[in-house]
C-alpha cells in the first residue's frame, strides 16, 4: 500500500492519497481545491486516481473532491448518511456514488470500509483501511474530523456556524456514541486525522501527523471513563468561536455550488486605494503588525501574511464586498495570495497595491495612521483611574484559565458581530495572549470608527510576568 499525506499549513488540514502497489489504482481522500498536487503525486508514483471521496461536508475550506473527480474521470463517493437539511443535497449527489454505513470502496487490493461516525457532522464517515496483500486485519482509519491527535471534532459547528438551532447537544451525544463504537477495534489501528494543531475544528489538537487508536485510548480525553452527560458537557465547553466563513464553506460544499471566477486583481495606486475605501471596499494590509502599527493607510485592516492569514481573513473580511490587498513585494505575489484566499472561497480580490502606496499616502493630503501601544504598568495605572474599556480577544479556554480584572471578552473571530457592544467614544485597550491577535483587532476597531485604540504590548503573558492581578473562571 502506498500512503501519501498532504498537509496545508495555512488551513492545518490533511488530505490523503492511497494507492495499490500491484494494480496502481489510487483514491484521494478529503482533497483541497489545488487538485493538481494530487495529480502530480499520483503521476510521480505511477498511480491512476480511480476514486475520490471525503469524510464529511467541510466547513473550513473549499472541497476539491468534485473538481478532482471530474478532472481525472474518477468515481466520486459521498456519504449518504445524516440526511436532513445538513446532508449533501440532491445536486451534490447527482454525479456521486452514495456511501452508506458498511459500504466498501475497493482500490485494487485495498479496501476502505465506511463507518458512519456522526457528531462533528451528521453525515460524517470514517474509513477503515485494509491492505489485502498484507492480511485481513485493518491497518488504519482515515478519521477526518472525528478523531484527532489528543482531541475529537467539535460538535457545535452546525449550530454556531450554520445556524442549526438546538443541534449542539444532540451532536455531542452522537459524538459520544461514535467514540464508544470504536471499543471493539484493535489498539494497533493507525489514525490518520483530517486536521492538526491550529485548526478551529477542535479545541486542543496535537501537532503529530498521526497516532494509533491505542495511544488515543490512553491519552485522549474523549476515551476516558465517563457517562454521556459528562462527555457532552466537556465536548461543548470553551470551544473557540468559529470564523464566520465556516457558514459560507458549509453551504457551498453541501450544495456543490460553483465558486464564481473573478478576473486577476489589478495593480492600484494611492488614488485607487482611496477611492476603494470611499466605496466601502475592504482594504487589507498584509504586512507584519509592527510595521503596520508604525505607519499605514487610515481605514485599512491589518491581517499579516502567515500561518493564520486565512483564518483571520475568513473571520473578519465580509464575502459580499470587494477586497483590495496591500502587499510587500518580498512577502508574496498577488497571484499566490489570491490563490490562497480561493481555498476559503474569498474570490472578490479586485486589486492590490505595493508599499509605495503607504509612502504616497504619507506625502499626500491625507496623513498616515498608527496603532498606539501601551505596556502593562501604564495600563494598570489607567485601569485605576480614567474611564477605559479593556477588550480581551483570546479564545474561551484562554479566558477561563485567567483574565484581567474588568476586561470585556470578545474573541477575535466574534468581533464583527459584537463590535456594537463597544463604546466608540471611550478609550479602548485590546489584548490577547502575546500581542498578535490584538494587533489585528486594534486595526479592525480603528477601521470601524473607534479612534482611541491601543494594543497591549506583550499581552496577557506580559501582565502575568509583571505579577499583576488575574481573575479566573467565567
Protein backbone atom coordinates (compact mmCIF):
# COMPACT_ATOMS: atom_id res chain seq x y z
CA UNK A 1 0.00 0.00 0.00
CA UNK A 2 1.16 3.49 -0.86
CA UNK A 3 0.07 6.26 1.50
CA UNK A 4 0.85 9.91 0.86
CA UNK A 5 -0.24 12.68 3.24
CA UNK A 6 -0.73 16.25 2.02
CA UNK A 7 -0.71 18.94 4.70
CA UNK A 8 -1.80 22.52 4.15
CA UNK A 9 -0.21 24.65 6.92
CA UNK A 10 -2.47 27.61 6.15
CA UNK A 11 -5.55 25.51 7.00
CA UNK A 12 -3.96 22.91 9.32
CA UNK A 13 -5.70 20.43 7.01
CA UNK A 14 -4.60 16.98 5.92
CA UNK A 15 -5.68 15.02 2.85
CA UNK A 16 -4.51 11.66 1.61
CA UNK A 17 -3.70 9.62 -1.47
CA UNK A 18 -3.80 5.83 -1.02
CA UNK A 19 -2.65 3.56 -3.81
CA UNK A 20 -2.37 -0.16 -4.51
CA UNK A 21 1.18 -1.16 -5.38
CA UNK A 22 0.04 -4.04 -7.59
CA UNK A 23 -2.80 -2.53 -9.67
CA UNK A 24 -1.55 1.11 -9.41
CA UNK A 25 -5.07 2.33 -8.67
CA UNK A 26 -5.49 5.11 -6.08
CA UNK A 27 -8.07 7.02 -4.08
CA UNK A 28 -7.86 10.65 -2.92
CA UNK A 29 -9.50 11.44 0.43
CA UNK A 30 -10.54 14.96 1.53
CA UNK A 31 -8.72 16.79 -1.30
CA UNK A 32 -8.48 20.58 -1.34
CA UNK A 33 -9.06 22.76 -4.40
CA UNK A 34 -5.46 22.64 -5.64
CA UNK A 35 -6.24 19.40 -7.42
CA UNK A 36 -3.05 19.46 -9.48
CA UNK A 37 -0.98 18.43 -6.45
CA UNK A 38 -2.84 15.11 -6.24
CA UNK A 39 -2.38 14.54 -9.95
CA UNK A 40 1.34 15.25 -9.67
CA UNK A 41 1.75 12.92 -6.70
CA UNK A 42 -0.15 10.16 -8.46
CA UNK A 43 1.98 10.58 -11.58
CA UNK A 44 5.22 10.56 -9.60
CA UNK A 45 4.22 7.23 -8.04
CA UNK A 46 2.88 5.66 -11.23
CA UNK A 47 -0.71 5.72 -9.91
CA UNK A 48 -4.06 6.43 -11.53
CA UNK A 49 -6.66 8.15 -9.35
CA UNK A 50 -9.73 5.98 -9.85
CA UNK A 51 -11.73 7.11 -6.80
CA UNK A 52 -12.23 10.35 -4.87
CA UNK A 53 -14.06 10.76 -1.58
CA UNK A 54 -14.33 12.89 1.54
CA UNK A 55 -15.16 12.16 5.15
CA UNK A 56 -17.79 14.89 5.53
CA UNK A 57 -19.09 18.26 4.35
CA UNK A 58 -16.21 20.56 5.19
CA UNK A 59 -16.69 23.94 6.85
CA UNK A 60 -13.15 25.30 6.85
CA UNK A 61 -12.09 25.05 3.20
CA UNK A 62 -13.45 24.60 -0.29
CA UNK A 63 -13.61 20.93 -1.14
CA UNK A 64 -11.77 19.83 -4.26
CA UNK A 65 -13.36 16.37 -4.36
CA UNK A 66 -15.79 17.08 -7.18
CA UNK A 67 -13.27 19.04 -9.26
CA UNK A 68 -10.63 16.32 -8.92
CA UNK A 69 -13.06 13.52 -9.75
CA UNK A 70 -14.26 15.35 -12.86
CA UNK A 71 -10.75 16.22 -13.99
CA UNK A 72 -9.31 12.69 -13.76
CA UNK A 73 -12.63 10.94 -14.53
CA UNK A 74 -12.71 9.12 -11.23
CA UNK A 75 -15.71 7.84 -9.26
CA UNK A 76 -16.81 10.37 -6.62
CA UNK A 77 -18.09 8.77 -3.40
CA UNK A 78 -20.10 10.88 -0.93
CA UNK A 79 -21.82 9.99 2.34
CA UNK A 80 -25.48 9.07 2.05
CA UNK A 81 -25.85 9.22 5.85
CA UNK A 82 -27.16 12.04 8.02
CA UNK A 83 -29.85 13.40 5.75
CA UNK A 84 -31.97 16.41 6.66
CA UNK A 85 -31.00 19.99 5.99
CA UNK A 86 -27.28 19.35 6.51
CA UNK A 87 -26.69 16.26 4.43
CA UNK A 88 -25.45 16.54 0.86
CA UNK A 89 -28.15 18.00 -1.40
CA UNK A 90 -29.60 16.24 -4.41
CA UNK A 91 -27.48 18.45 -6.66
CA UNK A 92 -24.32 17.38 -4.85
CA UNK A 93 -25.24 13.68 -5.00
CA UNK A 94 -26.36 13.71 -8.63
CA UNK A 95 -22.99 12.65 -10.05
CA UNK A 96 -21.76 10.81 -6.93
CA UNK A 97 -21.87 7.23 -5.76
CA UNK A 98 -23.69 7.24 -2.38
CA UNK A 99 -21.85 5.73 0.59
CA UNK A 100 -23.97 4.06 3.25
CA UNK A 101 -22.62 2.70 6.53
CA UNK A 102 -20.83 -0.58 5.91
CA UNK A 103 -20.19 0.09 2.23
CA UNK A 104 -16.73 -0.64 0.83
CA UNK A 105 -14.64 1.14 -1.77
CA UNK A 106 -12.23 -1.25 -3.44
CA UNK A 107 -8.98 0.24 -4.74
CA UNK A 108 -7.01 -2.64 -6.26
CA UNK A 109 -6.16 -4.88 -3.29
CA UNK A 110 -7.04 -2.20 -0.74
CA UNK A 111 -10.49 -1.74 0.78
CA UNK A 112 -11.97 1.25 2.58
CA UNK A 113 -14.95 0.38 4.79
CA UNK A 114 -17.29 3.28 5.52
CA UNK A 115 -18.22 3.70 9.18
CA UNK A 116 -20.92 6.23 9.99
CA UNK A 117 -19.42 8.33 12.80
CA UNK A 118 -21.76 11.30 13.38
CA UNK A 119 -21.06 14.01 15.94
CA UNK A 120 -18.87 16.61 14.26
CA UNK A 121 -21.41 16.50 11.42
CA UNK A 122 -24.46 14.25 10.90
CA UNK A 123 -23.14 12.62 7.70
CA UNK A 124 -19.55 12.06 8.84
CA UNK A 125 -17.82 8.90 7.56
CA UNK A 126 -14.65 7.26 8.91
CA UNK A 127 -12.82 4.95 6.52
CA UNK A 128 -11.29 1.73 7.89
CA UNK A 129 -8.42 0.81 5.58
CA UNK A 130 -7.32 -2.78 4.93
CA UNK A 131 -4.37 -3.80 2.77
CA UNK A 132 -5.45 -7.24 1.49
CA UNK A 133 -1.94 -8.01 0.28
CA UNK A 134 -0.73 -7.85 3.90
CA UNK A 135 -3.66 -9.60 5.55
CA UNK A 136 -7.31 -9.39 6.53
CA UNK A 137 -6.76 -7.13 9.58
CA UNK A 138 -7.31 -3.41 9.04
CA UNK A 139 -4.18 -1.26 9.17
CA UNK A 140 -5.70 2.12 9.98
CA UNK A 141 -8.53 4.62 9.85
CA UNK A 142 -8.98 7.89 7.98
CA UNK A 143 -10.89 9.72 10.69
CA UNK A 144 -11.46 13.12 9.10
CA UNK A 145 -12.84 15.43 11.80
CA UNK A 146 -13.89 12.60 14.14
CA UNK A 147 -10.72 11.55 16.00
CA UNK A 148 -7.72 13.86 16.15
CA UNK A 149 -4.42 13.54 17.97
CA UNK A 150 -5.48 14.35 21.54
CA UNK A 151 -9.00 15.56 20.74
CA UNK A 152 -12.22 14.92 18.82
CA UNK A 153 -14.09 17.05 16.33
CA UNK A 154 -16.18 19.81 17.81
CA UNK A 155 -19.92 19.05 17.77
CA UNK A 156 -21.19 22.64 17.91
CA UNK A 157 -20.33 23.90 14.42
CA UNK A 158 -23.71 23.33 12.77
CA UNK A 159 -25.39 25.37 15.49
CA UNK A 160 -22.80 28.11 15.89
CA UNK A 161 -21.58 28.48 12.32
CA UNK A 162 -24.55 27.39 10.24
CA UNK A 163 -27.47 28.41 12.46
CA UNK A 164 -28.90 24.93 13.12
CA UNK A 165 -30.54 25.85 16.44
CA UNK A 166 -30.52 23.21 19.17
CA UNK A 167 -28.12 20.96 17.30
CA UNK A 168 -25.02 21.18 19.51
CA UNK A 169 -26.07 18.94 22.42
CA UNK A 170 -27.63 16.37 20.10
CA UNK A 171 -24.44 16.24 18.03
CA UNK A 172 -22.28 15.94 21.15
CA UNK A 173 -24.35 12.94 22.25
CA UNK A 174 -23.88 11.38 18.79
CA UNK A 175 -20.16 12.02 19.06
CA UNK A 176 -20.08 10.17 22.38
CA UNK A 177 -21.76 7.15 20.82
CA UNK A 178 -19.40 7.27 17.83
CA UNK A 179 -16.41 7.17 20.17
CA UNK A 180 -17.97 4.25 22.06
CA UNK A 181 -18.46 2.39 18.77
CA UNK A 182 -14.67 2.04 18.44
CA UNK A 183 -14.38 -0.12 21.58
CA UNK A 184 -14.14 -3.34 19.63
CA UNK A 185 -11.45 -2.01 17.29
CA UNK A 186 -7.85 -3.12 17.97
CA UNK A 187 -5.23 -0.82 19.50
CA UNK A 188 -2.81 -1.23 16.60
CA UNK A 189 -5.01 0.71 14.17
CA UNK A 190 -3.25 3.80 12.90
CA UNK A 191 -5.27 7.01 12.89
CA UNK A 192 -4.80 9.44 10.03
CA UNK A 193 -6.77 12.58 11.02
CA UNK A 194 -8.05 15.41 8.86
CA UNK A 195 -6.53 18.26 10.88
CA UNK A 196 -3.57 19.17 13.03
CA UNK A 197 -2.76 21.82 15.62
CA UNK A 198 -4.16 25.24 14.74
CA UNK A 199 -7.44 24.09 13.23
CA UNK A 200 -10.65 25.64 14.54
CA UNK A 201 -12.41 22.27 14.11
CA UNK A 202 -11.39 21.25 17.65
CA UNK A 203 -10.10 22.72 20.91
CA UNK A 204 -6.72 21.15 21.58
CA UNK A 205 -5.48 19.25 18.55
CA UNK A 206 -1.99 17.77 18.74
CA UNK A 207 0.73 18.52 16.21
CA UNK A 208 1.73 14.91 15.46
CA UNK A 209 0.76 13.89 11.91
CA UNK A 210 -0.78 10.58 13.00
CA UNK A 211 -1.42 8.40 16.04
CA UNK A 212 -2.86 4.99 16.96
CA UNK A 213 -6.19 4.07 18.45
CA UNK A 214 -4.41 2.50 21.43
CA UNK A 215 -2.46 5.67 22.18
CA UNK A 216 -5.60 7.80 21.98
CA UNK A 217 -7.34 5.43 24.38
CA UNK A 218 -4.56 6.21 26.86
CA UNK A 219 -4.30 9.98 26.44
CA UNK A 220 -7.26 11.45 24.54
CA UNK A 221 -9.81 12.88 26.97
CA UNK A 222 -12.72 11.62 24.84
CA UNK A 223 -11.82 7.98 25.54
CA UNK A 224 -11.89 8.45 29.31
CA UNK A 225 -14.40 6.65 31.51
CA UNK A 226 -17.39 8.98 31.69
CA UNK A 227 -21.15 9.00 31.22
CA UNK A 228 -22.74 10.57 28.18
CA UNK A 229 -23.79 13.71 30.05
CA UNK A 230 -20.26 14.46 31.23
CA UNK A 231 -18.89 13.86 27.74
CA UNK A 232 -21.44 16.25 26.22
CA UNK A 233 -20.56 18.98 28.71
CA UNK A 234 -16.82 18.59 28.15
CA UNK A 235 -17.18 18.46 24.37
CA UNK A 236 -19.08 21.74 24.31
CA UNK A 237 -17.24 23.79 26.91
CA UNK A 238 -14.81 26.54 25.85
CA UNK A 239 -14.96 25.80 22.13
CA UNK A 240 -13.31 28.53 20.02
CA UNK A 241 -15.55 30.92 18.11
CA UNK A 242 -15.86 29.57 14.55
CA UNK A 243 -14.69 32.03 11.89
CA UNK A 244 -17.73 33.35 10.05
CA UNK A 245 -16.53 31.99 6.71
CA UNK A 246 -17.33 28.49 8.01
CA UNK A 247 -21.02 29.02 7.20
CA UNK A 248 -20.12 30.00 3.62
CA UNK A 249 -17.96 26.93 3.12
CA UNK A 250 -20.54 24.61 4.66
CA UNK A 251 -23.27 25.72 2.27
CA UNK A 252 -21.05 25.74 -0.80
CA UNK A 253 -19.70 22.24 -0.10
CA UNK A 254 -23.11 20.85 0.85
CA UNK A 255 -24.82 22.20 -2.26
CA UNK A 256 -21.93 21.76 -4.75
CA UNK A 257 -22.26 25.47 -5.53
CA UNK A 258 -19.80 26.63 -8.20
CA UNK A 259 -17.48 29.37 -6.92
CA UNK A 260 -17.56 32.32 -9.34
CA UNK A 261 -14.39 33.13 -11.23
CA UNK A 262 -13.09 36.67 -10.78
CA UNK A 263 -10.54 38.34 -13.05
CA UNK A 264 -6.98 38.65 -11.82
CA UNK A 265 -6.62 41.63 -9.45
CA UNK A 266 -5.38 44.90 -10.93
CA UNK A 267 -2.41 46.82 -9.60
CA UNK A 268 -3.56 50.01 -7.88
CA UNK A 269 -2.06 53.37 -6.94
CA UNK A 270 -2.77 55.57 -3.91
CA UNK A 271 -5.76 57.33 -5.51
CA UNK A 272 -7.28 53.95 -6.43
CA UNK A 273 -6.93 52.76 -2.83
CA UNK A 274 -8.51 55.98 -1.59
CA UNK A 275 -11.47 55.50 -3.91
CA UNK A 276 -11.79 51.85 -2.83
CA UNK A 277 -12.04 52.94 0.81
CA UNK A 278 -14.61 55.59 -0.10
CA UNK A 279 -16.71 52.94 -1.90
CA UNK A 280 -16.70 50.74 1.19
CA UNK A 281 -14.32 48.11 -0.17
CA UNK A 282 -12.29 46.21 2.43
CA UNK A 283 -8.61 47.12 2.19
CA UNK A 284 -6.29 44.65 3.94
CA UNK A 285 -2.65 45.48 4.68
CA UNK A 286 -0.75 42.19 4.89
CA UNK A 287 2.48 43.47 6.48
CA UNK A 288 3.71 42.37 9.92
CA UNK A 289 1.86 44.05 12.79
CA UNK A 290 4.79 46.16 13.98
CA UNK A 291 5.35 47.74 10.57
CA UNK A 292 1.64 48.35 10.11
CA UNK A 293 1.39 49.91 13.57
CA UNK A 294 4.17 52.38 12.80
CA UNK A 295 2.53 53.70 9.64
CA UNK A 296 -0.41 52.68 7.49
CA UNK A 297 -3.23 53.96 5.31
CA UNK A 298 -6.11 55.09 7.52
CA UNK A 299 -9.14 52.81 7.29
CA UNK A 300 -7.23 49.66 6.39
CA UNK A 301 -7.23 46.40 8.36
CA UNK A 302 -4.01 44.61 9.22
CA UNK A 303 -4.03 40.83 8.71
CA UNK A 304 -0.39 39.75 8.36
CA UNK A 305 0.58 37.04 5.91
CA UNK A 306 1.43 33.93 7.88
CA UNK A 307 0.06 30.71 9.26
CA UNK A 308 -3.24 32.24 10.47
CA UNK A 309 -3.81 34.54 7.48
CA UNK A 310 -6.70 32.54 6.01
CA UNK A 311 -8.39 32.07 9.40
CA UNK A 312 -8.50 35.78 10.17
CA UNK A 313 -9.34 36.81 6.60
CA UNK A 314 -12.29 34.41 6.71
CA UNK A 315 -13.31 35.68 10.15
CA UNK A 316 -13.07 39.43 9.57
CA UNK A 317 -13.48 40.16 5.86
CA UNK A 318 -17.06 40.16 4.50
CA UNK A 319 -17.73 37.97 1.46
CA UNK A 320 -20.19 40.41 -0.11
CA UNK A 321 -17.67 43.23 -0.64
CA UNK A 322 -14.72 43.77 -2.94
CA UNK A 323 -11.30 43.32 -1.34
CA UNK A 324 -8.06 45.22 -2.01
CA UNK A 325 -4.70 43.94 -0.71
CA UNK A 326 -1.59 45.91 0.25
CA UNK A 327 1.39 43.62 -0.26
CA UNK A 328 5.09 43.75 0.44
CA UNK A 329 6.71 42.57 -2.79
CA UNK A 330 9.15 40.43 -0.83
CA UNK A 331 6.47 38.58 1.13
CA UNK A 332 4.30 37.09 -1.60
CA UNK A 333 2.90 37.82 -5.03
CA UNK A 334 -0.68 38.88 -5.63
CA UNK A 335 -1.22 35.66 -7.59
CA UNK A 336 -0.04 33.44 -4.72
CA UNK A 337 -2.07 35.32 -2.10
CA UNK A 338 -5.28 35.26 -4.16
CA UNK A 339 -4.72 31.55 -4.78
CA UNK A 340 -4.52 31.03 -1.03
CA UNK A 341 -7.71 33.03 -0.46
CA UNK A 342 -9.58 30.96 -3.01
CA UNK A 343 -9.14 27.99 -0.65
CA UNK A 344 -11.74 29.59 1.60
CA UNK A 345 -13.90 30.94 -1.22
CA UNK A 346 -12.76 34.54 -0.82
CA UNK A 347 -12.59 35.43 -4.52
CA UNK A 348 -13.59 39.11 -4.75
CA UNK A 349 -9.97 40.32 -4.74
CA UNK A 350 -10.25 43.21 -7.19
CA UNK A 351 -6.88 44.89 -6.75
CA UNK A 352 -3.59 45.08 -4.95
CA UNK A 353 -1.03 47.75 -4.18
CA UNK A 354 2.58 47.79 -3.12
CA UNK A 355 4.15 49.57 -0.16
CA UNK A 356 4.71 52.69 -2.26
CA UNK A 357 1.01 53.42 -1.65
CA UNK A 358 1.74 53.90 2.07
CA UNK A 359 4.56 56.30 1.18
CA UNK A 360 2.41 58.22 -1.31
CA UNK A 361 -0.39 58.43 1.25
CA UNK A 362 2.01 59.93 3.78
CA UNK A 363 3.24 62.53 1.28
CA UNK A 364 -0.25 63.45 0.15
CA UNK A 365 -3.01 65.43 1.79
CA UNK A 366 -4.16 62.56 3.98
CA UNK A 367 -1.98 61.72 6.97
CA UNK A 368 -0.99 58.18 7.66
CA UNK A 369 -2.33 56.41 10.72
CA UNK A 370 -0.68 54.47 13.56
CA UNK A 371 -1.58 51.89 16.19
CA UNK A 372 -0.70 53.06 19.67
CA UNK A 373 0.90 50.59 22.07
CA UNK A 374 0.78 50.62 25.85
CA UNK A 375 2.62 48.48 28.40
CA UNK A 376 1.23 46.65 31.41
CA UNK A 377 2.35 49.21 34.00
CA UNK A 378 0.71 52.07 32.11
CA UNK A 379 -2.44 50.00 31.68
CA UNK A 380 -2.54 49.11 35.38
CA UNK A 381 -2.37 52.80 36.25
CA UNK A 382 -5.09 53.75 33.75
CA UNK A 383 -7.38 50.97 34.98
CA UNK A 384 -7.30 52.53 38.47
CA UNK A 385 -8.21 55.96 37.22
CA UNK A 386 -9.58 57.05 33.86
CA UNK A 387 -12.54 55.59 32.02
CA UNK A 388 -11.33 52.70 29.92
CA UNK A 389 -12.73 49.66 28.11
CA UNK A 390 -10.36 46.71 28.08
CA UNK A 391 -11.08 44.08 25.41
CA UNK A 392 -9.70 40.53 25.62
CA UNK A 393 -9.77 38.90 22.15
CA UNK A 394 -8.45 35.46 23.20
CA UNK A 395 -10.30 32.16 22.92
CA UNK A 396 -12.79 30.97 25.58
CA UNK A 397 -10.38 28.43 27.12
CA UNK A 398 -7.66 31.09 27.45
CA UNK A 399 -10.13 33.47 29.09
CA UNK A 400 -11.39 30.82 31.50
CA UNK A 401 -7.84 29.97 32.61
CA UNK A 402 -7.21 33.58 33.62
CA UNK A 403 -8.05 37.14 32.54
CA UNK A 404 -7.52 40.76 33.51
CA UNK A 405 -9.98 42.26 36.02
CA UNK A 406 -12.75 44.22 34.35
CA UNK A 407 -11.97 43.01 30.83
CA UNK A 408 -14.66 42.50 28.20
CA UNK A 409 -14.28 39.12 26.50
CA UNK A 410 -14.82 39.30 22.72
CA UNK A 411 -12.83 36.63 20.86
CA UNK A 412 -11.27 37.99 17.71
CA UNK A 413 -13.46 35.84 15.44
CA UNK A 414 -16.57 37.30 17.12
CA UNK A 415 -15.54 40.95 16.69
CA UNK A 416 -17.61 41.65 13.52
CA UNK A 417 -20.83 40.57 15.26
CA UNK A 418 -20.08 42.15 18.65
CA UNK A 419 -18.33 45.40 17.81
CA UNK A 420 -21.60 47.22 18.58
CA UNK A 421 -21.15 46.32 22.27
CA UNK A 422 -18.20 48.73 22.50
CA UNK A 423 -18.43 52.46 23.10
CA UNK A 424 -16.71 54.22 20.21
CA UNK A 425 -16.07 57.31 22.35
CA UNK A 426 -14.29 55.51 25.21
CA UNK A 427 -10.56 54.84 25.18
CA UNK A 428 -10.02 51.15 24.32
CA UNK A 429 -7.09 48.84 25.04
CA UNK A 430 -7.05 45.47 23.27
CA UNK A 431 -5.05 42.44 24.34
CA UNK A 432 -4.56 38.75 23.56
CA UNK A 433 -2.02 36.23 24.85
CA UNK A 434 1.10 37.76 23.35
CA UNK A 435 0.04 40.72 21.20
CA UNK A 436 -0.51 39.23 17.73
CA UNK A 437 -4.28 38.77 17.59
CA UNK A 438 -4.88 42.01 19.47
CA UNK A 439 -2.87 43.94 16.88
CA UNK A 440 -5.28 42.66 14.24
CA UNK A 441 -8.23 43.55 16.49
CA UNK A 442 -6.92 47.07 17.09
CA UNK A 443 -6.66 47.68 13.34
CA UNK A 444 -10.18 46.31 12.84
CA UNK A 445 -11.63 48.54 15.55
CA UNK A 446 -9.90 51.64 14.17
CA UNK A 447 -11.10 50.88 10.65
CA UNK A 448 -14.65 50.70 12.02
CA UNK A 449 -14.67 54.06 13.77
CA UNK A 450 -13.07 53.50 17.20
CA UNK A 451 -10.23 56.01 17.04
CA UNK A 452 -8.83 55.87 20.60
CA UNK A 453 -7.49 52.31 20.46
CA UNK A 454 -4.24 50.91 21.85
CA UNK A 455 -2.70 47.45 21.76
CA UNK A 456 -1.25 45.97 24.97
CA UNK A 457 2.40 45.17 24.30
CA UNK A 458 3.16 41.56 25.29
CA UNK A 459 -0.49 40.83 26.06
CA UNK A 460 -1.65 38.61 28.90
CA UNK A 461 1.78 36.98 29.16
CA UNK A 462 3.38 40.33 29.98
CA UNK A 463 0.62 41.08 32.52
CA UNK A 464 1.23 37.78 34.34
CA UNK A 465 5.01 38.28 34.19
CA UNK A 466 4.51 41.67 35.85
CA UNK A 467 2.84 39.93 38.83
CA UNK A 468 -0.39 41.88 38.31
CA UNK A 469 -3.82 40.64 39.46
CA UNK A 470 -5.66 37.98 37.44
CA UNK A 471 -9.22 36.69 37.69
CA UNK A 472 -10.12 33.09 36.83
CA UNK A 473 -13.26 31.38 35.63
CA UNK A 474 -16.15 32.67 33.54
